[in-house]
């Protein structure tokens, strides 16, 4: 379950920022996660609760913002939204699309005290 190591990395970032920005408690963490990131959200939430126990983020809310899969359609010469990596362009049906987003996994922001 790589979600546990993802959460350990998130807690590491939180602890680094706590020192750098002088806060002592985290109330909420918002993540941006795309469907191509390969993250099981329920496992991530469970792991977050486990990893934050006893630290400054214990009891904090984990909010996930699901990002769309975006691509560039070469024949249409414009950005489009698709559901999966190998989907055709929803406008022209071409498979000449290059994925430009949807694999994100980043901390968007934190609410702290």
Foldseek 3Di string as FASTA:
>chain_A
DCLLVVLVVVVVVVVVVCVVVVFQAFAEWEKEAFPQQPDDVVVNVVSNQVNCPPGRHHNHYYHYDYDFWKKAAPVVRGIATDHDDQFAGPPPRHSRIGTDDRNDIGTPDTDTD
